[in-house]
Amino acid sequence: MGLALDDEIFSAESYNLNIPTLDGHKATQLDIRFSGSGSLDRTSEDDLALLEAMRIGAPVRLIVTGEISGKAYKLGTGDDAEFSYSCTVRVASVEAGEIALAV
């Protein structure tokens, strides 16, 4: 049993994601930015272990709590200019998450 030419095997509509759009242009770059800082607790063993594990270039996993302080679109310059969309999080606190181990 064959498929007729109008039978749909693949639907591109399922990949139509809700990408931020401005003036009919979809963003090509999506960014989350952070402003501010969080203080660690010097009486917390988890926080002290986090500091001990922090080495230049070492991966680390953090839990950041904050609030959205801004959203923006930006068009780069040049031939390969990207149209980016970003949200900025104003950091209220930082917690030690699972420390990522180097492979």
PDB file of N, CA and C in Angstrom:
ATOM      1  N   MET A   1       0.851  -1.181   0.000  1.00  0.00           N
ATOM      2  CA  MET A   1       0.000   0.000   0.000  1.00  0.00           C
ATOM      3  C   MET A   1       0.891   1.238   0.000  1.00  0.00           C
ATOM      4  N   GLY A   2       0.798   2.081  -1.017  1.00  0.00           N
ATOM      5  CA  GLY A   2       1.639   3.261  -1.146  1.00  0.00           C
ATOM      6  C   GLY A   2       0.966   4.500  -0.583  1.00  0.00           C
ATOM      7  N   LEU A   3       1.750   5.537  -0.463  1.00  0.00           N
ATOM      8  CA  LEU A   3       1.244   6.811   0.028  1.00  0.00           C
ATOM      9  C   LEU A   3       0.896   7.712  -1.139  1.00  0.00           C
ATOM     10  N   ALA A   4      -0.205   8.386  -1.045  1.00  0.00           N
ATOM     11  CA  ALA A   4      -0.568   9.366  -2.063  1.00  0.00           C
ATOM     12  C   ALA A   4       0.310  10.601  -1.866  1.00  0.00           C
ATOM     13  N   LEU A   5       0.493  11.392  -2.913  1.00  0.00           N
ATOM     14  CA  LEU A   5       1.346  12.568  -2.830  1.00  0.00           C
ATOM     15  C   LEU A   5       0.872  13.576  -1.794  1.00  0.00           C
ATOM     16  N   ASP A   6      -0.429  13.603  -1.516  1.00  0.00           N
ATOM     17  CA  ASP A   6      -0.930  14.570  -0.547  1.00  0.00           C
ATOM     18  C   ASP A   6      -0.957  14.024   0.881  1.00  0.00           C
ATOM     19  N   ASP A   7      -0.510  12.784   1.104  1.00  0.00           N
ATOM     20  CA  ASP A   7      -0.417  12.245   2.466  1.00  0.00           C
ATOM     21  C   ASP A   7       0.723  12.947   3.184  1.00  0.00           C
ATOM     22  N   GLU A   8       0.478  13.316   4.419  1.00  0.00           N
ATOM     23  CA  GLU A   8       1.478  14.063   5.174  1.00  0.00           C
ATOM     24  C   GLU A   8       2.278  13.124   6.072  1.00  0.00           C
ATOM     25  N   ILE A   9       3.574  13.020   5.803  1.00  0.00           N
ATOM     26  CA  ILE A   9       4.468  12.210   6.629  1.00  0.00           C
ATOM     27  C   ILE A   9       5.139  13.102   7.661  1.00  0.00           C
ATOM     28  N   PHE A  10       5.498  14.287   7.254  1.00  0.00           N
ATOM     29  CA  PHE A  10       6.221  15.227   8.108  1.00  0.00           C
ATOM     30  C   PHE A  10       5.468  16.548   8.127  1.00  0.00           C
ATOM     31  N   SER A  11       5.257  17.065   9.308  1.00  0.00           N
ATOM     32  CA  SER A  11       4.582  18.347   9.429  1.00  0.00           C
ATOM     33  C   SER A  11       5.550  19.385   9.998  1.00  0.00           C
ATOM     34  N   ALA A  12       5.889  20.371   9.196  1.00  0.00           N
ATOM     35  CA  ALA A  12       6.785  21.435   9.650  1.00  0.00           C
ATOM     36  C   ALA A  12       6.139  22.274  10.747  1.00  0.00           C
ATOM     37  N   GLU A  13       4.826  22.271  10.840  1.00  0.00           N
ATOM     38  CA  GLU A  13       4.111  23.047  11.860  1.00  0.00           C
ATOM     39  C   GLU A  13       4.501  22.622  13.275  1.00  0.00           C
ATOM     40  N   SER A  14       4.881  21.359  13.452  1.00  0.00           N
ATOM     41  CA  SER A  14       5.245  20.889  14.789  1.00  0.00           C
ATOM     42  C   SER A  14       6.554  21.513  15.267  1.00  0.00           C
ATOM     43  N   TYR A  15       7.318  22.116  14.356  1.00  0.00           N
ATOM     44  CA  TYR A  15       8.577  22.778  14.714  1.00  0.00           C
ATOM     45  C   TYR A  15       8.447  24.291  14.718  1.00  0.00           C
ATOM     46  N   ASN A  16       7.256  24.809  14.637  1.00  0.00           N
ATOM     47  CA  ASN A  16       7.013  26.237  14.651  1.00  0.00           C
ATOM     48  C   ASN A  16       6.975  26.709  16.101  1.00  0.00           C
ATOM     49  N   LEU A  17       8.144  27.031  16.646  1.00  0.00           N
ATOM     50  CA  LEU A  17       8.269  27.414  18.050  1.00  0.00           C
ATOM     51  C   LEU A  17       7.917  28.882  18.253  1.00  0.00           C
ATOM     52  N   ASN A  18       7.542  29.223  19.461  1.00  0.00           N
ATOM     53  CA  ASN A  18       7.162  30.583  19.820  1.00  0.00           C
ATOM     54  C   ASN A  18       8.416  31.411  20.118  1.00  0.00           C
ATOM     55  N   ILE A  19       9.184  31.723  19.081  1.00  0.00           N
ATOM     56  CA  ILE A  19      10.409  32.503  19.217  1.00  0.00           C
ATOM     57  C   ILE A  19      10.035  33.984  19.273  1.00  0.00           C
ATOM     58  N   PRO A  20      10.649  34.758  20.212  1.00  0.00           N
ATOM     59  CA  PRO A  20      10.326  36.189  20.297  1.00  0.00           C
ATOM     60  C   PRO A  20      10.503  36.885  18.948  1.00  0.00           C
ATOM     61  N   THR A  21       9.530  37.719  18.606  1.00  0.00           N
ATOM     62  CA  THR A  21       9.481  38.393  17.314  1.00  0.00           C
ATOM     63  C   THR A  21       9.232  39.885  17.509  1.00  0.00           C
ATOM     64  N   LEU A  22       9.902  40.692  16.709  1.00  0.00           N
ATOM     65  CA  LEU A  22       9.695  42.139  16.729  1.00  0.00           C
ATOM     66  C   LEU A  22       9.599  42.619  15.291  1.00  0.00           C
ATOM     67  N   ASP A  23       8.557  43.353  14.980  1.00  0.00           N
ATOM     68  CA  ASP A  23       8.332  43.880  13.632  1.00  0.00           C
ATOM     69  C   ASP A  23       8.428  42.796  12.563  1.00  0.00           C
ATOM     70  N   GLY A  24       7.931  41.605  12.892  1.00  0.00           N
ATOM     71  CA  GLY A  24       7.903  40.507  11.939  1.00  0.00           C
ATOM     72  C   GLY A  24       9.211  39.729  11.819  1.00  0.00           C
ATOM     73  N   HIS A  25      10.224  40.074  12.596  1.00  0.00           N
ATOM     74  CA  HIS A  25      11.518  39.389  12.531  1.00  0.00           C
ATOM     75  C   HIS A  25      11.714  38.545  13.791  1.00  0.00           C
ATOM     76  N   LYS A  26      12.011  37.241  13.597  1.00  0.00           N
ATOM     77  CA  LYS A  26      12.273  36.358  14.726  1.00  0.00           C
ATOM     78  C   LYS A  26      13.715  36.522  15.186  1.00  0.00           C
ATOM     79  N   ALA A  27      13.905  36.490  16.498  1.00  0.00           N
ATOM     80  CA  ALA A  27      15.252  36.583  17.051  1.00  0.00           C
ATOM     81  C   ALA A  27      16.078  35.372  16.611  1.00  0.00           C
ATOM     82  N   THR A  28      17.343  35.617  16.283  1.00  0.00           N
ATOM     83  CA  THR A  28      18.248  34.528  15.897  1.00  0.00           C
ATOM     84  C   THR A  28      19.138  34.116  17.060  1.00  0.00           C
ATOM     85  N   GLN A  29      19.169  34.915  18.107  1.00  0.00           N
ATOM     86  CA  GLN A  29      19.982  34.632  19.295  1.00  0.00           C
ATOM     87  C   GLN A  29      19.122  34.924  20.521  1.00  0.00           C
ATOM     88  N   LEU A  30      19.080  33.991  21.478  1.00  0.00           N
ATOM     89  CA  LEU A  30      18.321  34.172  22.716  1.00  0.00           C
ATOM     90  C   LEU A  30      19.294  34.137  23.890  1.00  0.00           C
ATOM     91  N   ASP A  31      19.276  35.162  24.734  1.00  0.00           N
ATOM     92  CA  ASP A  31      20.230  35.272  25.840  1.00  0.00           C
ATOM     93  C   ASP A  31      19.525  35.544  27.165  1.00  0.00           C
ATOM     94  N   ILE A  32      20.129  35.040  28.230  1.00  0.00           N
ATOM     95  CA  ILE A  32      19.740  35.412  29.595  1.00  0.00           C
ATOM     96  C   ILE A  32      20.941  36.122  30.186  1.00  0.00           C
ATOM     97  N   ARG A  33      20.728  37.308  30.681  1.00  0.00           N
ATOM     98  CA  ARG A  33      21.801  38.105  31.295  1.00  0.00           C
ATOM     99  C   ARG A  33      21.521  38.222  32.786  1.00  0.00           C
ATOM    100  N   PHE A  34      22.577  38.457  33.542  1.00  0.00           N
ATOM    101  CA  PHE A  34      22.453  38.572  34.988  1.00  0.00           C
ATOM    102  C   PHE A  34      23.060  39.888  35.451  1.00  0.00           C
ATOM    103  N   SER A  35      22.418  40.526  36.422  1.00  0.00           N
ATOM    104  CA  SER A  35      22.982  41.719  37.031  1.00  0.00           C
ATOM    105  C   SER A  35      22.954  41.532  38.540  1.00  0.00           C
ATOM    106  N   GLY A  36      23.951  42.055  39.193  1.00  0.00           N
ATOM    107  CA  GLY A  36      24.013  41.939  40.647  1.00  0.00           C
ATOM    108  C   GLY A  36      24.852  40.751  41.074  1.00  0.00           C
ATOM    109  N   SER A  37      24.755  40.420  42.328  1.00  0.00           N
ATOM    110  CA  SER A  37      25.517  39.304  42.882  1.00  0.00           C
ATOM    111  C   SER A  37      24.765  38.732  44.069  1.00  0.00           C
ATOM    112  N   GLY A  38      25.184  37.582  44.506  1.00  0.00           N
ATOM    113  CA  GLY A  38      24.599  36.950  45.681  1.00  0.00           C
ATOM    114  C   GLY A  38      25.701  36.665  46.678  1.00  0.00           C
ATOM    115  N   SER A  39      25.392  36.737  47.930  1.00  0.00           N
ATOM    116  CA  SER A  39      26.372  36.466  48.979  1.00  0.00           C
ATOM    117  C   SER A  39      26.253  35.023  49.435  1.00  0.00           C
ATOM    118  N   LEU A  40      27.382  34.426  49.750  1.00  0.00           N
ATOM    119  CA  LEU A  40      27.400  33.072  50.279  1.00  0.00           C
ATOM    120  C   LEU A  40      27.496  33.131  51.802  1.00  0.00           C
ATOM    121  N   ASP A  41      27.051  32.069  52.438  1.00  0.00           N
ATOM    122  CA  ASP A  41      27.034  31.982  53.899  1.00  0.00           C
ATOM    123  C   ASP A  41      28.323  31.321  54.373  1.00  0.00           C
ATOM    124  N   ARG A  42      29.133  32.046  55.120  1.00  0.00           N
ATOM    125  CA  ARG A  42      30.416  31.485  55.555  1.00  0.00           C
ATOM    126  C   ARG A  42      30.274  30.449  56.654  1.00  0.00           C
ATOM    127  N   THR A  43      29.040  30.228  57.142  1.00  0.00           N
ATOM    128  CA  THR A  43      28.805  29.162  58.125  1.00  0.00           C
ATOM    129  C   THR A  43      28.174  27.927  57.485  1.00  0.00           C
ATOM    130  N   SER A  44      27.995  27.967  56.165  1.00  0.00           N
ATOM    131  CA  SER A  44      27.393  26.853  55.441  1.00  0.00           C
ATOM    132  C   SER A  44      28.476  25.968  54.823  1.00  0.00           C
ATOM    133  N   GLU A  45      28.455  24.685  55.161  1.00  0.00           N
ATOM    134  CA  GLU A  45      29.430  23.761  54.579  1.00  0.00           C
ATOM    135  C   GLU A  45      29.262  23.659  53.073  1.00  0.00           C
ATOM    136  N   ASP A  46      28.021  23.714  52.577  1.00  0.00           N
ATOM    137  CA  ASP A  46      27.779  23.667  51.135  1.00  0.00           C
ATOM    138  C   ASP A  46      28.403  24.872  50.433  1.00  0.00           C
ATOM    139  N   ASP A  47      28.217  26.057  51.002  1.00  0.00           N
ATOM    140  CA  ASP A  47      28.780  27.260  50.398  1.00  0.00           C
ATOM    141  C   ASP A  47      30.306  27.229  50.427  1.00  0.00           C
ATOM    142  N   LEU A  48      30.878  26.756  51.522  1.00  0.00           N
ATOM    143  CA  LEU A  48      32.330  26.665  51.621  1.00  0.00           C
ATOM    144  C   LEU A  48      32.883  25.625  50.641  1.00  0.00           C
ATOM    145  N   ALA A  49      32.161  24.522  50.463  1.00  0.00           N
ATOM    146  CA  ALA A  49      32.579  23.505  49.482  1.00  0.00           C
ATOM    147  C   ALA A  49      32.514  24.077  48.069  1.00  0.00           C
ATOM    148  N   LEU A  50      31.510  24.895  47.813  1.00  0.00           N
ATOM    149  CA  LEU A  50      31.395  25.544  46.508  1.00  0.00           C
ATOM    150  C   LEU A  50      32.606  26.429  46.252  1.00  0.00           C
ATOM    151  N   LEU A  51      32.963  27.234  47.231  1.00  0.00           N
ATOM    152  CA  LEU A  51      34.126  28.106  47.075  1.00  0.00           C
ATOM    153  C   LEU A  51      35.398  27.296  46.860  1.00  0.00           C
ATOM    154  N   GLU A  52      35.535  26.195  47.577  1.00  0.00           N
ATOM    155  CA  GLU A  52      36.710  25.334  47.442  1.00  0.00           C
ATOM    156  C   GLU A  52      36.792  24.737  46.034  1.00  0.00           C
ATOM    157  N   ALA A  53      35.641  24.406  45.460  1.00  0.00           N
ATOM    158  CA  ALA A  53      35.598  23.780  44.137  1.00  0.00           C
ATOM    159  C   ALA A  53      35.786  24.781  43.000  1.00  0.00           C
ATOM    160  N   MET A  54      35.629  26.061  43.280  1.00  0.00           N
ATOM    161  CA  MET A  54      35.738  27.071  42.226  1.00  0.00           C
ATOM    162  C   MET A  54      37.185  27.265  41.820  1.00  0.00           C
ATOM    163  N   ARG A  55      37.481  26.813  40.621  1.00  0.00           N
ATOM    164  CA  ARG A  55      38.807  26.957  40.032  1.00  0.00           C
ATOM    165  C   ARG A  55      38.625  27.591  38.656  1.00  0.00           C
ATOM    166  N   ILE A  56      39.591  28.353  38.251  1.00  0.00           N
ATOM    167  CA  ILE A  56      39.524  28.994  36.944  1.00  0.00           C
ATOM    168  C   ILE A  56      39.277  27.931  35.872  1.00  0.00           C
ATOM    169  N   GLY A  57      38.238  28.116  35.086  1.00  0.00           N
ATOM    170  CA  GLY A  57      37.904  27.207  33.999  1.00  0.00           C
ATOM    171  C   GLY A  57      37.135  25.966  34.406  1.00  0.00           C
ATOM    172  N   ALA A  58      36.906  25.764  35.710  1.00  0.00           N
ATOM    173  CA  ALA A  58      36.179  24.577  36.173  1.00  0.00           C
ATOM    174  C   ALA A  58      34.678  24.817  36.075  1.00  0.00           C
ATOM    175  N   PRO A  59      33.921  23.809  35.633  1.00  0.00           N
ATOM    176  CA  PRO A  59      32.462  23.965  35.568  1.00  0.00           C
ATOM    177  C   PRO A  59      31.857  23.947  36.965  1.00  0.00           C
ATOM    178  N   VAL A  60      30.770  24.669  37.137  1.00  0.00           N
ATOM    179  CA  VAL A  60      30.079  24.720  38.416  1.00  0.00           C
ATOM    180  C   VAL A  60      28.600  24.928  38.153  1.00  0.00           C
ATOM    181  N   ARG A  61      27.763  24.381  39.009  1.00  0.00           N
ATOM    182  CA  ARG A  61      26.322  24.543  38.847  1.00  0.00           C
ATOM    183  C   ARG A  61      25.808  25.369  40.027  1.00  0.00           C
ATOM    184  N   LEU A  62      25.070  26.431  39.726  1.00  0.00           N
ATOM    185  CA  LEU A  62      24.535  27.327  40.744  1.00  0.00           C
ATOM    186  C   LEU A  62      23.024  27.428  40.609  1.00  0.00           C
ATOM    187  N   ILE A  63      22.377  27.736  41.713  1.00  0.00           N
ATOM    188  CA  ILE A  63      20.947  28.032  41.700  1.00  0.00           C
ATOM    189  C   ILE A  63      20.831  29.531  41.959  1.00  0.00           C
ATOM    190  N   VAL A  64      20.324  30.243  40.963  1.00  0.00           N
ATOM    191  CA  VAL A  64      20.210  31.696  41.046  1.00  0.00           C
ATOM    192  C   VAL A  64      18.737  32.049  41.198  1.00  0.00           C
ATOM    193  N   THR A  65      18.436  32.872  42.185  1.00  0.00           N
ATOM    194  CA  THR A  65      17.071  33.364  42.392  1.00  0.00           C
ATOM    195  C   THR A  65      17.087  34.869  42.151  1.00  0.00           C
ATOM    196  N   GLY A  66      16.092  35.346  41.417  1.00  0.00           N
ATOM    197  CA  GLY A  66      16.042  36.772  41.129  1.00  0.00           C
ATOM    198  C   GLY A  66      14.725  37.144  40.493  1.00  0.00           C
ATOM    199  N   GLU A  67      14.709  38.311  39.918  1.00  0.00           N
ATOM    200  CA  GLU A  67      13.507  38.775  39.214  1.00  0.00           C
ATOM    201  C   GLU A  67      13.919  39.379  37.885  1.00  0.00           C
ATOM    202  N   ILE A  68      13.018  39.309  36.930  1.00  0.00           N
ATOM    203  CA  ILE A  68      13.287  39.857  35.605  1.00  0.00           C
ATOM    204  C   ILE A  68      13.266  41.383  35.701  1.00  0.00           C
ATOM    205  N   SER A  69      14.379  41.998  35.324  1.00  0.00           N
ATOM    206  CA  SER A  69      14.465  43.458  35.411  1.00  0.00           C
ATOM    207  C   SER A  69      14.416  44.123  34.043  1.00  0.00           C
ATOM    208  N   GLY A  70      14.465  43.332  32.982  1.00  0.00           N
ATOM    209  CA  GLY A  70      14.385  43.938  31.661  1.00  0.00           C
ATOM    210  C   GLY A  70      14.353  42.902  30.553  1.00  0.00           C
ATOM    211  N   LYS A  71      13.822  43.323  29.418  1.00  0.00           N
ATOM    212  CA  LYS A  71      13.804  42.521  28.200  1.00  0.00           C
ATOM    213  C   LYS A  71      14.198  43.458  27.069  1.00  0.00           C
ATOM    214  N   ALA A  72      14.970  42.928  26.101  1.00  0.00           N
ATOM    215  CA  ALA A  72      15.432  43.804  25.027  1.00  0.00           C
ATOM    216  C   ALA A  72      15.702  43.032  23.744  1.00  0.00           C
ATOM    217  N   TYR A  73      15.549  43.732  22.627  1.00  0.00           N
ATOM    218  CA  TYR A  73      15.960  43.243  21.321  1.00  0.00           C
ATOM    219  C   TYR A  73      17.184  44.051  20.908  1.00  0.00           C
ATOM    220  N   LYS A  74      18.092  43.425  20.148  1.00  0.00           N
ATOM    221  CA  LYS A  74      19.286  44.127  19.688  1.00  0.00           C
ATOM    222  C   LYS A  74      19.671  43.590  18.320  1.00  0.00           C
ATOM    223  N   LEU A  75      19.954  44.486  17.393  1.00  0.00           N
ATOM    224  CA  LEU A  75      20.402  44.113  16.064  1.00  0.00           C
ATOM    225  C   LEU A  75      21.881  44.445  15.965  1.00  0.00           C
ATOM    226  N   GLY A  76      22.699  43.421  15.706  1.00  0.00           N
ATOM    227  CA  GLY A  76      24.140  43.624  15.544  1.00  0.00           C
ATOM    228  C   GLY A  76      24.438  44.354  14.259  1.00  0.00           C
ATOM    229  N   THR A  77      25.714  44.612  14.025  1.00  0.00           N
ATOM    230  CA  THR A  77      26.120  45.307  12.805  1.00  0.00           C
ATOM    231  C   THR A  77      26.942  44.374  11.922  1.00  0.00           C
ATOM    232  N   GLY A  78      27.077  44.726  10.664  1.00  0.00           N
ATOM    233  CA  GLY A  78      27.868  43.934   9.733  1.00  0.00           C
ATOM    234  C   GLY A  78      27.001  43.011   8.905  1.00  0.00           C
ATOM    235  N   ASP A  79      27.665  42.254   8.026  1.00  0.00           N
ATOM    236  CA  ASP A  79      26.960  41.368   7.105  1.00  0.00           C
ATOM    237  C   ASP A  79      26.274  40.202   7.807  1.00  0.00           C
ATOM    238  N   ASP A  80      26.899  39.689   8.853  1.00  0.00           N
ATOM    239  CA  ASP A  80      26.322  38.545   9.565  1.00  0.00           C
ATOM    240  C   ASP A  80      25.715  38.965  10.901  1.00  0.00           C
ATOM    241  N   ALA A  81      25.087  40.134  10.927  1.00  0.00           N
ATOM    242  CA  ALA A  81      24.499  40.676  12.151  1.00  0.00           C
ATOM    243  C   ALA A  81      23.392  39.767  12.675  1.00  0.00           C
ATOM    244  N   GLU A  82      23.428  39.528  13.967  1.00  0.00           N
ATOM    245  CA  GLU A  82      22.392  38.721  14.593  1.00  0.00           C
ATOM    246  C   GLU A  82      21.351  39.622  15.235  1.00  0.00           C
ATOM    247  N   PHE A  83      20.122  39.157  15.205  1.00  0.00           N
ATOM    248  CA  PHE A  83      19.004  39.847  15.839  1.00  0.00           C
ATOM    249  C   PHE A  83      18.746  39.098  17.146  1.00  0.00           C
ATOM    250  N   SER A  84      19.141  39.685  18.260  1.00  0.00           N
ATOM    251  CA  SER A  84      19.074  38.965  19.528  1.00  0.00           C
ATOM    252  C   SER A  84      17.979  39.502  20.442  1.00  0.00           C
ATOM    253  N   TYR A  85      17.530  38.604  21.303  1.00  0.00           N
ATOM    254  CA  TYR A  85      16.520  38.922  22.320  1.00  0.00           C
ATOM    255  C   TYR A  85      17.103  38.487  23.650  1.00  0.00           C
ATOM    256  N   SER A  86      17.014  39.335  24.657  1.00  0.00           N
ATOM    257  CA  SER A  86      17.565  38.969  25.957  1.00  0.00           C
ATOM    258  C   SER A  86      16.624  39.361  27.086  1.00  0.00           C
ATOM    259  N   CYS A  87      16.724  38.588  28.159  1.00  0.00           N
ATOM    260  CA  CYS A  87      16.057  38.892  29.418  1.00  0.00           C
ATOM    261  C   CYS A  87      17.153  39.084  30.460  1.00  0.00           C
ATOM    262  N   THR A  88      17.021  40.081  31.300  1.00  0.00           N
ATOM    263  CA  THR A  88      17.996  40.324  32.357  1.00  0.00           C
ATOM    264  C   THR A  88      17.382  39.963  33.701  1.00  0.00           C
ATOM    265  N   VAL A  89      18.118  39.152  34.467  1.00  0.00           N
ATOM    266  CA  VAL A  89      17.686  38.734  35.799  1.00  0.00           C
ATOM    267  C   VAL A  89      18.477  39.534  36.825  1.00  0.00           C
ATOM    268  N   ARG A  90      17.780  40.247  37.693  1.00  0.00           N
ATOM    269  CA  ARG A  90      18.428  40.929  38.815  1.00  0.00           C
ATOM    270  C   ARG A  90      18.588  39.894  39.916  1.00  0.00           C
ATOM    271  N   VAL A  91      19.815  39.528  40.226  1.00  0.00           N
ATOM    272  CA  VAL A  91      20.118  38.447  41.164  1.00  0.00           C
ATOM    273  C   VAL A  91      19.753  38.866  42.588  1.00  0.00           C
ATOM    274  N   ALA A  92      18.983  37.996  43.263  1.00  0.00           N
ATOM    275  CA  ALA A  92      18.638  38.225  44.666  1.00  0.00           C
ATOM    276  C   ALA A  92      19.468  37.318  45.571  1.00  0.00           C
ATOM    277  N   SER A  93      19.701  36.070  45.128  1.00  0.00           N
ATOM    278  CA  SER A  93      20.510  35.140  45.927  1.00  0.00           C
ATOM    279  C   SER A  93      21.110  34.070  45.032  1.00  0.00           C
ATOM    280  N   VAL A  94      22.178  33.482  45.533  1.00  0.00           N
ATOM    281  CA  VAL A  94      22.859  32.392  44.840  1.00  0.00           C
ATOM    282  C   VAL A  94      23.049  31.269  45.848  1.00  0.00           C
ATOM    283  N   GLU A  95      22.706  30.055  45.430  1.00  0.00           N
ATOM    284  CA  GLU A  95      22.890  28.888  46.291  1.00  0.00           C
ATOM    285  C   GLU A  95      23.797  27.894  45.591  1.00  0.00           C
ATOM    286  N   ALA A  96      24.487  27.103  46.399  1.00  0.00           N
ATOM    287  CA  ALA A  96      25.313  26.043  45.835  1.00  0.00           C
ATOM    288  C   ALA A  96      24.402  24.941  45.348  1.00  0.00           C
ATOM    289  N   GLY A  97      24.486  24.645  44.059  1.00  0.00           N
ATOM    290  CA  GLY A  97      23.754  23.520  43.510  1.00  0.00           C
ATOM    291  C   GLY A  97      24.666  22.320  43.485  1.00  0.00           C
ATOM    292  N   GLU A  98      24.330  21.363  42.693  1.00  0.00           N
ATOM    293  CA  GLU A  98      25.194  20.199  42.523  1.00  0.00           C
ATOM    294  C   GLU A  98      26.460  20.684  41.818  1.00  0.00           C
ATOM    295  N   ILE A  99      27.594  20.428  42.406  1.00  0.00           N
ATOM    296  CA  ILE A  99      28.849  20.888  41.819  1.00  0.00           C
ATOM    297  C   ILE A  99      29.178  19.998  40.621  1.00  0.00           C
ATOM    298  N   ALA A 100      29.366  20.629  39.477  1.00  0.00           N
ATOM    299  CA  ALA A 100      29.688  19.879  38.258  1.00  0.00           C
ATOM    300  C   ALA A 100      31.134  19.410  38.350  1.00  0.00           C
ATOM    301  N   LEU A 101      31.349  18.147  38.103  1.00  0.00           N
ATOM    302  CA  LEU A 101      32.686  17.591  38.177  1.00  0.00           C
ATOM    303  C   LEU A 101      33.347  17.612  36.808  1.00  0.00           C
ATOM    304  N   ALA A 102      34.613  17.949  36.776  1.00  0.00           N
ATOM    305  CA  ALA A 102      35.358  17.937  35.519  1.00  0.00           C
ATOM    306  C   ALA A 102      35.525  16.496  35.058  1.00  0.00           C
ATOM    307  N   VAL A 103      35.431  16.293  33.755  1.00  0.00           N
ATOM    308  CA  VAL A 103      35.560  14.943  33.195  1.00  0.00           C
ATOM    309  C   VAL A 103      37.008  14.652  32.913  1.00  0.00           C
TER     310      VAL A 103
END
